[in-house]
Amino acid sequence: MDLKIARPFAMSLLAALCTACGGGGGDSGSTGPGAPGLGAGTTTLALVAGSATESGNLDANGSAARFGQPAGIAADSAGNLFVADRGNCSIRRISAAGAVSTVAGSPQRCRSVDGAAGAAGFGTLNAIAASPDGRLYAADGLAVREIDPAGTVRTIATLDTATVVGAGEIPYFYASGIAVDGLANVVVANAIGIRKIAPSGAVSMIEGVPRLDNIASVLGSHSFQQRGLAAARDGTVYVGDFASTVSRIDPAGTRIALAGLSGGAGFADGLAGAARFDRVIALTLDAAGNLYAADAGNNLIRKITPDRVVSTAAGTIGATSLQLGNGPGALPALAGLTGDGKGTLYAISGNAIVKITLP
């Protein structure tokens, strides 16, 4: 079987649903102190927490806090942000006031350990999603982890690898994107497929295969690659493909390429196939159906409208230092993206969490 399920109970269907939870979106208010005023037609960037130049593990307010290689970010309806802090093997919370705290995990437990917040551990955090009922879901190596509002962590699924695989090739199969749709399904992507874990615990493949007979049959790199993922209220899934395209998969399983060119990594704004991306590692939706992509290869935030028009929302190609204030700004080492669904995005740039207010 492709997944070892440890999710015996069914969650209730959720009454208050986000636009796109995790990997992804959620509903959150203004986060972090000191956000600059917004003029008409102006994009602004402001620091929420952390440092552009320093790493560490420190719970504090705003710029005094420290993160270590954060890899994913999600937002909830109360204005909190949640960060998958890979280097510190922990889940961090940023309150609406900008206060950073540790929800679960510790640098002393860099391995998957289920249990209460103070005893739980994470191995390789790659992405995080927030569910409207207050639960978090993390992509942690081969494991899919659930964190309840009290901080208790449990493994709800374990991804299979291949019948012939070396230790160095296992990261190829790691969960690289995670989201929660409007029906409370947890959607998980890795290099060989996208799975849906229903509230009942039932697992189905949205696309791809659950496991490989032999990894040698796969062409190209066997190294881990982050894969942007978002899910809408109706179960539609949006995914960043390794072939430099962004696609939509509807609830019936029909796949449509939205933008980009297969095998054509690069940069270009434009309509549908005329656009170019370079490693879409995170996606989030807004209430109007616009899709925002963290284009890590270009260090840009890209916008894809429902009409498949691609534009650049923030960032500067080739920039090596964080630039705040009026846009486009600069977001080096782009590593995650989420939003409140109403015109505010939150991005990871190195070890800093940045608020992007769109016009």
Protein backbone atom coordinates (compact mmCIF):
# COMPACT_ATOMS: atom_id res chain seq x y z
CA MET A 1 0.00 0.00 0.00
CA ASP A 2 1.25 3.46 -0.82
CA LEU A 3 0.54 5.10 2.51
CA LYS A 4 0.53 3.86 6.07
CA ILE A 5 -2.44 5.70 7.49
CA ALA A 6 -2.67 6.71 11.09
CA ARG A 7 -5.78 8.86 10.80
CA PRO A 8 -8.55 6.74 12.27
CA PHE A 9 -11.14 9.36 12.96
CA ALA A 10 -13.08 11.59 10.58
CA MET A 11 -12.84 15.32 10.95
CA SER A 12 -16.04 17.31 10.75
CA LEU A 13 -16.60 19.21 7.55
CA LEU A 14 -15.66 22.80 8.08
CA ALA A 15 -18.16 25.60 8.08
CA ALA A 16 -15.74 28.48 7.63
CA LEU A 17 -13.49 27.68 4.69
CA CYS A 18 -10.43 29.49 3.43
CA THR A 19 -9.70 30.38 -0.15
CA ALA A 20 -6.61 28.15 -0.31
CA CYS A 21 -5.13 26.69 2.84
CA GLY A 22 -1.45 26.04 3.13
CA GLY A 23 1.38 25.76 0.77
CA GLY A 24 -0.67 28.05 0.12
CA GLY A 25 -3.28 30.35 1.53
CA GLY A 26 -5.60 30.94 4.39
CA ASP A 27 -7.30 34.00 5.80
CA SER A 28 -5.19 36.29 7.95
CA GLY A 29 -5.29 39.93 8.89
CA SER A 30 -2.47 42.45 8.99
CA THR A 31 0.55 40.80 10.53
CA GLY A 32 3.57 42.45 12.09
CA PRO A 33 4.23 45.92 13.40
CA GLY A 34 5.34 48.94 11.48
CA ALA A 35 3.67 48.26 8.14
CA PRO A 36 4.09 51.33 5.91
CA GLY A 37 1.15 53.28 4.55
CA LEU A 38 -0.12 52.16 1.16
CA GLY A 39 -0.60 54.63 -1.64
CA ALA A 40 -2.96 53.91 -4.50
CA GLY A 41 -1.38 51.55 -7.00
CA THR A 42 1.70 50.89 -4.85
CA THR A 43 3.04 47.52 -3.71
CA THR A 44 4.86 47.70 -0.38
CA LEU A 45 7.15 45.27 1.42
CA ALA A 46 7.65 45.26 5.20
CA LEU A 47 9.51 43.00 7.62
CA VAL A 48 7.23 40.88 9.81
CA ALA A 49 9.83 38.86 11.75
CA GLY A 50 13.35 37.52 11.58
CA SER A 51 16.47 38.90 9.97
CA ALA A 52 17.63 39.14 6.39
CA THR A 53 21.24 38.52 7.41
CA GLU A 54 21.19 36.42 10.62
CA SER A 55 19.92 32.94 11.39
CA GLY A 56 19.26 31.37 14.78
CA ASN A 57 16.50 30.06 17.02
CA LEU A 58 14.98 32.82 19.12
CA ASP A 59 11.38 33.47 20.12
CA ALA A 60 10.91 37.26 20.31
CA ASN A 61 9.01 40.11 18.69
CA GLY A 62 9.42 41.07 15.05
CA SER A 63 12.97 41.74 13.94
CA ALA A 64 14.41 40.41 17.22
CA ALA A 65 13.24 36.87 16.41
CA ARG A 66 15.47 34.41 14.58
CA PHE A 67 14.72 31.53 12.21
CA GLY A 68 16.94 28.85 10.69
CA GLN A 69 16.27 28.06 7.03
CA PRO A 70 12.46 28.40 7.10
CA ALA A 71 10.97 26.40 4.23
CA GLY A 72 7.21 26.95 4.31
CA ILE A 73 4.59 29.37 5.60
CA ALA A 74 0.82 29.31 6.13
CA ALA A 75 -1.79 31.73 7.48
CA ASP A 76 -4.92 31.22 9.58
CA SER A 77 -8.14 33.23 9.83
CA ALA A 78 -7.05 34.96 13.06
CA GLY A 79 -4.05 36.68 11.48
CA ASN A 80 -1.43 34.21 12.71
CA LEU A 81 1.36 32.95 10.50
CA PHE A 82 2.92 29.50 10.89
CA VAL A 83 6.43 28.77 9.68
CA ALA A 84 8.00 25.38 8.94
CA ASP A 85 11.46 26.18 10.35
CA ARG A 86 13.53 23.45 8.74
CA GLY A 87 16.88 24.33 10.31
CA ASN A 88 15.40 24.40 13.80
CA CYS A 89 13.24 21.29 13.24
CA SER A 90 10.22 23.11 14.60
CA ILE A 91 6.93 24.83 13.82
CA ARG A 92 6.96 28.53 14.70
CA ARG A 93 4.00 30.86 15.16
CA ILE A 94 3.94 34.60 14.42
CA SER A 95 0.98 36.32 16.06
CA ALA A 96 -0.93 39.17 14.46
CA ALA A 97 1.12 41.49 16.69
CA GLY A 98 4.42 40.05 15.40
CA ALA A 99 5.33 37.90 18.42
CA VAL A 100 7.18 34.70 17.49
CA SER A 101 6.78 31.52 19.54
CA THR A 102 7.49 27.82 19.06
CA VAL A 103 4.42 25.62 18.55
CA ALA A 104 6.15 22.23 18.47
CA GLY A 105 9.53 20.67 17.83
CA SER A 106 13.10 21.55 18.82
CA PRO A 107 16.60 21.65 17.31
CA GLN A 108 17.40 18.90 19.83
CA ARG A 109 14.90 16.55 18.16
CA CYS A 110 15.59 16.66 14.42
CA ARG A 111 13.69 13.44 13.73
CA SER A 112 10.00 12.57 13.37
CA VAL A 113 8.63 12.03 16.87
CA ASP A 114 4.91 12.09 17.66
CA GLY A 115 3.73 13.52 20.93
CA ALA A 116 2.89 16.66 22.88
CA ALA A 117 4.41 19.96 21.76
CA GLY A 118 7.38 19.82 24.10
CA ALA A 119 8.27 16.24 23.18
CA ALA A 120 7.48 16.18 19.45
CA GLY A 121 10.13 16.29 16.75
CA PHE A 122 10.43 16.95 13.01
CA GLY A 123 12.98 15.57 10.57
CA THR A 124 12.94 17.47 7.27
CA LEU A 125 10.26 20.17 7.16
CA ASN A 126 9.44 21.26 3.61
CA ALA A 127 5.98 22.85 3.67
CA ILE A 128 3.06 23.67 5.97
CA ALA A 129 -0.70 24.19 5.59
CA ALA A 130 -3.32 25.65 7.93
CA SER A 131 -6.83 24.21 8.18
CA PRO A 132 -9.78 26.44 9.19
CA ASP A 133 -10.44 24.21 12.22
CA GLY A 134 -7.10 25.23 13.75
CA ARG A 135 -5.05 22.20 12.76
CA LEU A 136 -1.76 22.44 10.90
CA TYR A 137 -0.36 19.93 8.44
CA ALA A 138 3.34 19.66 7.68
CA ALA A 139 5.31 17.92 4.94
CA ASP A 140 8.12 16.30 6.94
CA GLY A 141 10.35 14.11 4.81
CA LEU A 142 8.33 11.01 3.95
CA ALA A 143 5.80 11.77 6.71
CA VAL A 144 2.65 13.87 6.71
CA ARG A 145 2.26 15.35 10.20
CA GLU A 146 -0.79 16.85 11.88
CA ILE A 147 -0.41 19.45 14.64
CA ASP A 148 -3.55 20.15 16.66
CA PRO A 149 -4.28 23.53 18.32
CA ALA A 150 -2.65 22.33 21.55
CA GLY A 151 0.57 21.51 19.69
CA THR A 152 0.21 17.74 19.83
CA VAL A 153 1.84 16.15 16.78
CA ARG A 154 0.95 12.87 15.09
CA THR A 155 1.85 11.23 11.81
CA ILE A 156 -1.20 10.70 9.63
CA ALA A 157 0.56 9.15 6.62
CA THR A 158 3.93 7.92 5.40
CA LEU A 159 4.84 8.07 1.73
CA ASP A 160 6.30 5.05 -0.01
CA THR A 161 9.52 5.22 -2.00
CA ALA A 162 10.61 2.50 -4.45
CA THR A 163 11.48 -1.17 -4.35
CA VAL A 164 15.07 -0.39 -5.37
CA VAL A 165 16.34 2.76 -3.71
CA GLY A 166 19.53 3.91 -2.02
CA ALA A 167 19.65 6.09 1.07
CA GLY A 168 20.80 9.04 -1.01
CA GLU A 169 17.79 8.78 -3.28
CA ILE A 170 15.10 8.72 -0.58
CA PRO A 171 14.80 12.55 -0.48
CA TYR A 172 13.54 12.38 -4.08
CA PHE A 173 10.28 10.99 -2.63
CA TYR A 174 9.88 13.53 0.20
CA ALA A 175 6.59 15.39 0.51
CA SER A 176 7.34 18.72 -1.13
CA GLY A 177 4.01 20.55 -1.07
CA ILE A 178 0.92 20.43 1.13
CA ALA A 179 -2.50 22.13 1.17
CA VAL A 180 -5.99 21.76 2.63
CA ASP A 181 -9.01 22.19 0.37
CA GLY A 182 -12.51 23.43 1.23
CA LEU A 183 -13.73 19.88 1.91
CA ALA A 184 -11.09 19.31 4.63
CA ASN A 185 -9.00 17.04 2.39
CA VAL A 186 -5.24 17.21 2.92
CA VAL A 187 -3.46 17.31 -0.45
CA VAL A 188 0.19 16.25 -0.60
CA ALA A 189 2.61 16.40 -3.54
CA ASN A 190 5.94 14.73 -4.10
CA ALA A 191 8.08 14.05 -7.17
CA ILE A 192 5.97 11.15 -8.44
CA GLY A 193 2.39 12.11 -7.61
CA ILE A 194 -0.25 14.09 -5.75
CA ARG A 195 -2.29 12.36 -3.03
CA LYS A 196 -5.53 13.33 -1.31
CA ILE A 197 -6.13 12.27 2.30
CA ALA A 198 -9.85 12.55 3.07
CA PRO A 199 -11.19 13.43 6.55
CA SER A 200 -12.09 9.74 6.90
CA GLY A 201 -8.45 8.77 6.33
CA ALA A 202 -9.11 7.34 2.86
CA VAL A 203 -6.29 8.01 0.41
CA SER A 204 -6.55 8.46 -3.35
CA MET A 205 -4.17 9.57 -6.08
CA ILE A 206 -5.04 12.83 -7.82
CA GLU A 207 -2.26 12.27 -10.34
CA GLY A 208 0.89 10.19 -10.79
CA VAL A 209 1.76 6.95 -9.01
CA PRO A 210 1.99 6.07 -5.30
CA ARG A 211 5.42 4.42 -5.62
CA LEU A 212 8.03 3.36 -8.16
CA ASP A 213 9.17 -0.17 -8.91
CA ASN A 214 12.68 1.11 -9.55
CA ILE A 215 13.94 4.67 -9.26
CA ALA A 216 16.37 3.99 -12.11
CA SER A 217 13.35 4.11 -14.41
CA VAL A 218 12.95 7.84 -13.71
CA LEU A 219 14.83 10.23 -15.96
CA GLY A 220 16.56 13.33 -14.64
CA SER A 221 17.67 14.31 -11.17
CA HIS A 222 16.85 12.15 -8.16
CA SER A 223 17.39 15.03 -5.75
CA PHE A 224 14.61 16.65 -3.75
CA GLN A 225 12.75 19.53 -5.39
CA GLN A 226 10.15 21.73 -3.71
CA ARG A 227 6.80 21.74 -5.52
CA GLY A 228 4.26 24.54 -5.10
CA LEU A 229 0.74 23.41 -4.22
CA ALA A 230 -2.57 25.15 -3.46
CA ALA A 231 -6.14 23.90 -3.14
CA ALA A 232 -9.44 25.73 -3.61
CA ARG A 233 -12.82 25.43 -1.86
CA ASP A 234 -14.20 23.04 -4.47
CA GLY A 235 -11.21 20.69 -4.39
CA THR A 236 -9.45 22.11 -7.44
CA VAL A 237 -5.68 21.72 -7.06
CA TYR A 238 -3.00 24.05 -8.44
CA VAL A 239 0.53 22.71 -8.79
CA GLY A 240 3.94 23.91 -9.87
CA ASP A 241 5.38 21.32 -12.24
CA PHE A 242 9.05 20.42 -12.50
CA ALA A 243 8.76 21.18 -16.23
CA SER A 244 8.49 24.94 -15.50
CA THR A 245 4.73 25.12 -15.86
CA VAL A 246 1.83 25.80 -13.49
CA SER A 247 -1.21 23.57 -13.89
CA ARG A 248 -4.75 23.19 -12.57
CA ILE A 249 -6.38 19.85 -11.77
CA ASP A 250 -10.14 20.02 -11.35
CA PRO A 251 -12.13 17.75 -8.97
CA ALA A 252 -12.83 15.35 -11.86
CA GLY A 253 -9.08 14.91 -12.42
CA THR A 254 -8.83 16.94 -15.62
CA ARG A 255 -5.46 18.65 -15.88
CA ILE A 256 -5.01 22.00 -17.63
CA ALA A 257 -1.69 23.80 -18.12
CA LEU A 258 -2.24 27.40 -17.03
CA ALA A 259 1.07 29.05 -17.85
CA GLY A 260 4.70 28.41 -18.69
CA LEU A 261 6.51 26.16 -21.14
CA SER A 262 7.42 22.53 -20.48
CA GLY A 263 11.19 22.33 -20.33
CA GLY A 264 11.47 26.09 -20.84
CA ALA A 265 12.74 27.46 -17.53
CA GLY A 266 13.38 31.20 -17.59
CA PHE A 267 11.59 34.49 -17.04
CA ALA A 268 8.86 36.16 -19.08
CA ASP A 269 5.54 37.77 -18.23
CA GLY A 270 2.74 37.23 -20.71
CA LEU A 271 -0.25 35.12 -21.62
CA ALA A 272 -0.35 31.42 -20.75
CA GLY A 273 2.31 29.54 -22.71
CA ALA A 274 4.26 32.71 -23.45
CA ALA A 275 5.15 33.11 -19.76
CA ARG A 276 8.26 31.54 -18.23
CA PHE A 277 8.99 30.35 -14.67
CA ASP A 278 12.00 28.88 -12.91
CA ARG A 279 11.11 26.60 -9.98
CA VAL A 280 7.66 27.39 -8.60
CA ILE A 281 8.05 26.29 -4.98
CA ALA A 282 4.85 27.70 -3.42
CA LEU A 283 1.39 28.82 -4.54
CA THR A 284 -1.51 30.68 -2.96
CA LEU A 285 -4.94 31.88 -4.14
CA ASP A 286 -6.91 35.04 -3.45
CA ALA A 287 -10.68 35.50 -3.27
CA ALA A 288 -10.86 36.69 -6.89
CA GLY A 289 -9.28 33.50 -8.21
CA ASN A 290 -5.84 34.98 -8.85
CA LEU A 291 -2.97 32.59 -8.24
CA TYR A 292 0.34 33.82 -6.80
CA ALA A 293 3.54 31.83 -7.28
CA ALA A 294 6.87 31.93 -5.47
CA ASP A 295 9.23 31.70 -8.46
CA ALA A 296 12.40 30.74 -6.58
CA GLY A 297 14.72 30.54 -9.57
CA ASN A 298 13.94 34.16 -10.38
CA ASN A 299 13.34 35.34 -6.77
CA LEU A 300 10.01 36.81 -7.85
CA ILE A 301 6.37 36.68 -6.81
CA ARG A 302 4.32 36.06 -9.95
CA LYS A 303 0.58 36.60 -10.43
CA ILE A 304 -1.56 34.39 -12.70
CA THR A 305 -5.06 35.72 -13.35
CA PRO A 306 -8.08 33.50 -14.09
CA ASP A 307 -7.54 34.52 -17.74
CA ARG A 308 -3.99 33.05 -17.50
CA VAL A 309 -2.20 36.37 -17.77
CA VAL A 310 1.12 36.27 -15.90
CA SER A 311 2.73 39.36 -14.36
CA THR A 312 5.35 40.08 -11.71
CA ALA A 313 3.90 41.21 -8.37
CA ALA A 314 7.13 41.74 -6.40
CA GLY A 315 10.85 41.09 -6.43
CA THR A 316 13.89 41.83 -8.58
CA ILE A 317 15.80 39.25 -10.62
CA GLY A 318 19.40 38.87 -9.52
CA ALA A 319 19.05 40.83 -6.28
CA THR A 320 21.21 39.51 -3.44
CA SER A 321 19.90 41.55 -0.49
CA LEU A 322 16.41 42.08 0.92
CA GLN A 323 14.85 45.38 -0.16
CA LEU A 324 11.76 46.66 1.67
CA GLY A 325 9.56 49.70 1.17
CA ASN A 326 7.80 50.52 -2.08
CA GLY A 327 7.82 47.75 -4.68
CA PRO A 328 8.99 45.92 -6.57
CA GLY A 329 11.51 45.35 -3.73
CA ALA A 330 13.86 42.38 -3.62
CA LEU A 331 13.34 38.89 -2.15
CA PRO A 332 16.57 36.87 -2.37
CA ALA A 333 16.54 33.20 -1.32
CA LEU A 334 12.76 33.02 -1.78
CA ALA A 335 11.51 29.97 0.12
CA GLY A 336 7.77 30.14 0.78
CA LEU A 337 4.54 32.05 0.16
CA THR A 338 1.06 32.38 1.63
CA GLY A 339 -1.67 35.03 1.70
CA ASP A 340 -4.81 36.27 3.41
CA GLY A 341 -6.86 35.97 0.21
CA LYS A 342 -7.55 39.71 0.26
CA GLY A 343 -4.48 41.36 -1.21
CA THR A 344 -1.77 40.68 1.34
CA LEU A 345 0.97 38.10 0.78
CA TYR A 346 3.64 36.78 3.15
CA ALA A 347 6.90 35.47 1.77
CA ILE A 348 10.01 33.83 3.20
CA SER A 349 13.20 35.54 2.04
CA GLY A 350 16.21 33.80 3.55
CA ASN A 351 15.58 33.90 7.30
CA ALA A 352 13.14 36.80 7.16
CA ILE A 353 9.35 36.82 6.92
CA VAL A 354 8.13 39.64 4.67
CA LYS A 355 4.64 41.15 4.28
CA ILE A 356 3.75 42.18 0.73
CA THR A 357 0.76 44.52 0.48
CA LEU A 358 -0.60 44.56 -3.06
CA PRO A 359 -2.34 47.59 -4.62
